[in-house]
N, C-alpha and C. Protein backbone atom coordinates (compact mmCIF):
# COMPACT_ATOMS: atom_id res chain seq x y z
N MET A 1 -1.08 2.19 41.35
CA MET A 1 -0.23 2.30 40.18
C MET A 1 -0.48 1.14 39.22
N ASN A 2 -0.68 -0.05 39.78
CA ASN A 2 -0.93 -1.22 38.93
C ASN A 2 -2.24 -1.08 38.16
N ILE A 3 -3.24 -0.48 38.79
CA ILE A 3 -4.53 -0.29 38.13
C ILE A 3 -4.37 0.63 36.93
N PHE A 4 -3.56 1.69 37.08
CA PHE A 4 -3.33 2.63 35.98
C PHE A 4 -2.66 1.94 34.79
N ILE A 5 -1.70 1.08 35.05
CA ILE A 5 -1.00 0.35 33.97
C ILE A 5 -1.96 -0.60 33.28
N ILE A 6 -2.77 -1.31 34.04
CA ILE A 6 -3.76 -2.22 33.46
C ILE A 6 -4.78 -1.44 32.64
N TRP A 7 -5.19 -0.26 33.14
CA TRP A 7 -6.13 0.61 32.43
C TRP A 7 -5.56 1.00 31.07
N ILE A 8 -4.30 1.42 31.03
CA ILE A 8 -3.64 1.83 29.78
C ILE A 8 -3.52 0.64 28.82
N ILE A 9 -3.19 -0.53 29.33
CA ILE A 9 -3.08 -1.73 28.48
C ILE A 9 -4.43 -2.04 27.84
N PHE A 10 -5.51 -1.97 28.61
CA PHE A 10 -6.84 -2.20 28.06
C PHE A 10 -7.21 -1.13 27.04
N CYS A 11 -6.76 0.10 27.27
CA CYS A 11 -7.02 1.17 26.30
C CYS A 11 -6.35 0.86 24.97
N PHE A 12 -5.13 0.35 25.00
CA PHE A 12 -4.44 -0.02 23.76
C PHE A 12 -5.13 -1.21 23.07
N ILE A 13 -5.65 -2.13 23.84
CA ILE A 13 -6.38 -3.27 23.26
C ILE A 13 -7.65 -2.78 22.56
N VAL A 14 -8.38 -1.90 23.23
CA VAL A 14 -9.59 -1.33 22.62
C VAL A 14 -9.22 -0.54 21.37
N ALA A 15 -8.13 0.20 21.42
CA ALA A 15 -7.69 0.98 20.26
C ALA A 15 -7.37 0.08 19.08
N SER A 16 -6.75 -1.06 19.33
CA SER A 16 -6.44 -1.97 18.23
C SER A 16 -7.71 -2.58 17.63
N ILE A 17 -8.74 -2.75 18.43
CA ILE A 17 -10.02 -3.23 17.90
C ILE A 17 -10.70 -2.14 17.09
N ALA A 18 -10.61 -0.89 17.56
CA ALA A 18 -11.27 0.23 16.90
C ALA A 18 -10.53 0.69 15.65
N LYS A 19 -9.33 0.18 15.42
CA LYS A 19 -8.51 0.61 14.29
C LYS A 19 -9.21 0.39 12.95
N SER A 20 -9.91 -0.70 12.79
CA SER A 20 -10.57 -1.02 11.53
C SER A 20 -11.99 -0.44 11.45
N LYS A 21 -12.37 0.33 12.43
CA LYS A 21 -13.72 0.93 12.48
C LYS A 21 -13.62 2.42 12.20
N LYS A 22 -14.77 3.06 12.00
CA LYS A 22 -14.79 4.51 11.78
C LYS A 22 -14.29 5.28 13.00
N LEU A 23 -14.40 4.68 14.16
CA LEU A 23 -13.92 5.31 15.38
C LEU A 23 -12.42 5.57 15.31
N GLY A 24 -11.68 4.65 14.74
CA GLY A 24 -10.24 4.82 14.55
C GLY A 24 -9.45 4.42 15.79
N TYR A 25 -8.15 4.28 15.58
CA TYR A 25 -7.25 3.84 16.65
C TYR A 25 -7.23 4.85 17.80
N TRP A 26 -6.92 6.09 17.48
CA TRP A 26 -6.77 7.09 18.53
C TRP A 26 -8.11 7.48 19.13
N GLY A 27 -9.16 7.43 18.35
CA GLY A 27 -10.49 7.69 18.89
C GLY A 27 -10.87 6.65 19.93
N GLY A 28 -10.61 5.39 19.60
CA GLY A 28 -10.88 4.32 20.55
C GLY A 28 -10.00 4.40 21.79
N PHE A 29 -8.75 4.79 21.58
CA PHE A 29 -7.83 4.89 22.71
C PHE A 29 -8.27 5.98 23.68
N PHE A 30 -8.52 7.20 23.16
CA PHE A 30 -8.86 8.30 24.05
C PHE A 30 -10.26 8.14 24.66
N LEU A 31 -11.17 7.54 23.92
CA LEU A 31 -12.50 7.29 24.48
C LEU A 31 -12.39 6.34 25.67
N SER A 32 -11.62 5.28 25.52
CA SER A 32 -11.48 4.33 26.62
C SER A 32 -10.58 4.87 27.73
N LEU A 33 -9.67 5.78 27.40
CA LEU A 33 -8.82 6.37 28.43
C LEU A 33 -9.62 7.31 29.33
N PHE A 34 -10.46 8.16 28.73
CA PHE A 34 -11.19 9.16 29.51
C PHE A 34 -12.44 8.59 30.19
N PHE A 35 -13.12 7.66 29.54
CA PHE A 35 -14.34 7.13 30.14
C PHE A 35 -14.07 5.78 30.81
N SER A 36 -13.84 4.77 30.01
CA SER A 36 -13.58 3.43 30.55
C SER A 36 -13.24 2.53 29.38
N PRO A 37 -12.33 1.57 29.57
CA PRO A 37 -12.07 0.62 28.48
C PRO A 37 -13.32 -0.17 28.08
N LEU A 38 -14.22 -0.39 29.02
CA LEU A 38 -15.46 -1.11 28.70
C LEU A 38 -16.35 -0.25 27.80
N ILE A 39 -16.47 1.03 28.11
CA ILE A 39 -17.26 1.94 27.27
C ILE A 39 -16.60 2.06 25.90
N GLY A 40 -15.29 2.19 25.87
CA GLY A 40 -14.56 2.27 24.60
C GLY A 40 -14.76 1.01 23.77
N LEU A 41 -14.76 -0.15 24.43
CA LEU A 41 -14.97 -1.42 23.72
C LEU A 41 -16.37 -1.48 23.14
N ILE A 42 -17.36 -1.04 23.88
CA ILE A 42 -18.73 -1.05 23.38
C ILE A 42 -18.85 -0.15 22.15
N PHE A 43 -18.27 1.06 22.23
CA PHE A 43 -18.32 1.97 21.08
C PHE A 43 -17.54 1.41 19.89
N ALA A 44 -16.43 0.74 20.16
CA ALA A 44 -15.64 0.16 19.08
C ALA A 44 -16.39 -0.97 18.39
N LEU A 45 -17.11 -1.75 19.16
CA LEU A 45 -17.84 -2.87 18.57
C LEU A 45 -19.08 -2.42 17.80
N ILE A 46 -19.73 -1.34 18.23
CA ILE A 46 -20.93 -0.90 17.51
C ILE A 46 -20.61 0.09 16.40
N SER A 47 -19.38 0.56 16.35
CA SER A 47 -18.98 1.48 15.29
C SER A 47 -18.93 0.75 13.96
N LYS A 48 -19.32 1.45 12.90
CA LYS A 48 -19.33 0.83 11.57
C LYS A 48 -17.91 0.66 11.05
N PRO A 49 -17.70 -0.36 10.21
CA PRO A 49 -16.37 -0.54 9.63
C PRO A 49 -16.01 0.62 8.70
N LYS A 50 -14.72 0.84 8.52
CA LYS A 50 -14.27 1.88 7.61
C LYS A 50 -14.67 1.51 6.20
N GLU A 51 -15.12 2.53 5.44
CA GLU A 51 -15.45 2.30 4.04
C GLU A 51 -14.19 2.46 3.22
N ARG A 52 -13.90 1.47 2.43
CA ARG A 52 -12.73 1.54 1.57
C ARG A 52 -13.23 1.71 0.15
N ASN A 53 -12.71 2.71 -0.50
CA ASN A 53 -13.07 2.93 -1.89
C ASN A 53 -12.32 1.88 -2.70
N LYS A 54 -13.07 0.96 -3.27
CA LYS A 54 -12.48 -0.16 -3.98
C LYS A 54 -11.62 0.30 -5.16
N GLU A 55 -12.09 1.34 -5.85
CA GLU A 55 -11.34 1.81 -7.00
C GLU A 55 -10.01 2.42 -6.57
N LYS A 56 -10.02 3.20 -5.52
CA LYS A 56 -8.78 3.81 -5.06
C LYS A 56 -7.83 2.77 -4.49
N ALA A 57 -8.37 1.76 -3.83
CA ALA A 57 -7.52 0.74 -3.23
C ALA A 57 -6.80 -0.08 -4.31
N THR A 58 -7.45 -0.32 -5.43
CA THR A 58 -6.83 -1.12 -6.48
C THR A 58 -6.13 -0.27 -7.52
N GLY A 59 -6.39 1.04 -7.54
CA GLY A 59 -5.78 1.92 -8.52
C GLY A 59 -6.41 1.78 -9.90
N GLN A 60 -7.64 1.32 -9.98
CA GLN A 60 -8.29 1.07 -11.26
C GLN A 60 -9.29 2.17 -11.61
N TYR A 61 -8.92 3.40 -11.46
CA TYR A 61 -9.81 4.50 -11.84
C TYR A 61 -9.02 5.50 -12.67
N ALA A 62 -9.74 6.31 -13.42
CA ALA A 62 -9.10 7.26 -14.32
C ALA A 62 -8.28 8.25 -13.52
N GLY A 63 -7.11 8.54 -14.01
CA GLY A 63 -6.26 9.51 -13.37
C GLY A 63 -5.12 8.90 -12.57
N THR A 64 -5.04 7.58 -12.54
CA THR A 64 -3.93 6.97 -11.82
C THR A 64 -2.67 7.02 -12.67
N TYR A 65 -1.57 6.93 -12.02
CA TYR A 65 -0.30 6.94 -12.71
C TYR A 65 0.11 5.50 -12.96
N ASN A 66 0.36 5.17 -14.19
CA ASN A 66 0.75 3.82 -14.55
C ASN A 66 2.28 3.78 -14.61
N ALA A 67 2.90 3.23 -13.58
CA ALA A 67 4.35 3.25 -13.49
C ALA A 67 5.00 2.38 -14.56
N LYS A 68 4.31 1.34 -15.00
CA LYS A 68 4.88 0.45 -16.00
C LYS A 68 5.09 1.18 -17.33
N ASN A 69 4.07 1.89 -17.77
CA ASN A 69 4.16 2.62 -19.03
C ASN A 69 4.61 4.06 -18.84
N GLN A 70 4.68 4.50 -17.60
CA GLN A 70 5.04 5.87 -17.24
C GLN A 70 4.17 6.88 -17.96
N LYS A 71 2.88 6.56 -18.03
CA LYS A 71 1.89 7.46 -18.62
C LYS A 71 0.73 7.58 -17.65
N SER A 72 0.06 8.67 -17.77
CA SER A 72 -1.15 8.84 -16.98
C SER A 72 -2.30 8.16 -17.73
N ASN A 73 -3.18 7.49 -17.00
CA ASN A 73 -4.32 6.85 -17.63
C ASN A 73 -5.24 7.86 -18.28
N VAL A 74 -5.28 9.09 -17.76
CA VAL A 74 -6.13 10.12 -18.36
C VAL A 74 -5.64 10.41 -19.77
N THR A 75 -4.33 10.50 -19.95
CA THR A 75 -3.78 10.74 -21.29
C THR A 75 -4.12 9.58 -22.21
N THR A 76 -4.02 8.36 -21.72
CA THR A 76 -4.35 7.19 -22.53
C THR A 76 -5.81 7.22 -22.95
N TYR A 77 -6.72 7.57 -22.04
CA TYR A 77 -8.13 7.63 -22.37
C TYR A 77 -8.41 8.72 -23.40
N LYS A 78 -7.75 9.86 -23.25
CA LYS A 78 -7.95 10.94 -24.22
C LYS A 78 -7.50 10.51 -25.62
N LYS A 79 -6.35 9.85 -25.70
CA LYS A 79 -5.86 9.39 -27.00
C LYS A 79 -6.81 8.36 -27.59
N ARG A 80 -7.31 7.46 -26.77
CA ARG A 80 -8.23 6.44 -27.26
C ARG A 80 -9.51 7.08 -27.79
N ASN A 81 -10.05 8.05 -27.07
CA ASN A 81 -11.26 8.73 -27.53
C ASN A 81 -11.01 9.51 -28.81
N ASP A 82 -9.85 10.16 -28.92
CA ASP A 82 -9.52 10.89 -30.15
C ASP A 82 -9.44 9.93 -31.34
N ASN A 83 -8.85 8.76 -31.14
CA ASN A 83 -8.76 7.77 -32.22
C ASN A 83 -10.14 7.27 -32.64
N ILE A 84 -11.03 7.08 -31.70
CA ILE A 84 -12.38 6.64 -32.03
C ILE A 84 -13.11 7.70 -32.84
N ARG A 85 -12.96 8.96 -32.45
CA ARG A 85 -13.60 10.05 -33.19
C ARG A 85 -13.05 10.14 -34.62
N ARG A 86 -11.75 9.99 -34.78
CA ARG A 86 -11.16 10.05 -36.12
C ARG A 86 -11.68 8.92 -36.99
N ASN A 87 -11.76 7.73 -36.42
CA ASN A 87 -12.23 6.58 -37.19
C ASN A 87 -13.69 6.75 -37.59
N LYS A 88 -14.50 7.33 -36.73
CA LYS A 88 -15.90 7.56 -37.07
C LYS A 88 -16.04 8.60 -38.17
N SER A 89 -15.19 9.62 -38.11
CA SER A 89 -15.30 10.66 -39.13
C SER A 89 -14.79 10.17 -40.48
N LYS A 90 -13.90 9.19 -40.50
CA LYS A 90 -13.38 8.62 -41.75
C LYS A 90 -14.32 7.55 -42.32
N GLY A 91 -15.30 7.16 -41.52
CA GLY A 91 -16.26 6.16 -41.98
C GLY A 91 -15.84 4.74 -41.70
N ARG A 92 -14.95 4.54 -40.79
CA ARG A 92 -14.49 3.17 -40.45
C ARG A 92 -15.33 2.56 -39.38
């Protein structure tokens, strides 16, 4: 019984390591649960890190909702482009 508890504890440790990898928390947990925490640890360590889309993480891409102005950035870009076209057609 003690071995089973230690096995589960090691599975959770491997899962916490795999959390920031493409393997993921639950992938690392179940891999180490079914095979071995050592095998799960090896897969967690060689797994590539998760790719984070920098634009989505910072909210700096077209289409985000700007809570401060309560406007969509897409609407703002459309208005800006319309103003540029008008100024060009007027000769400014």
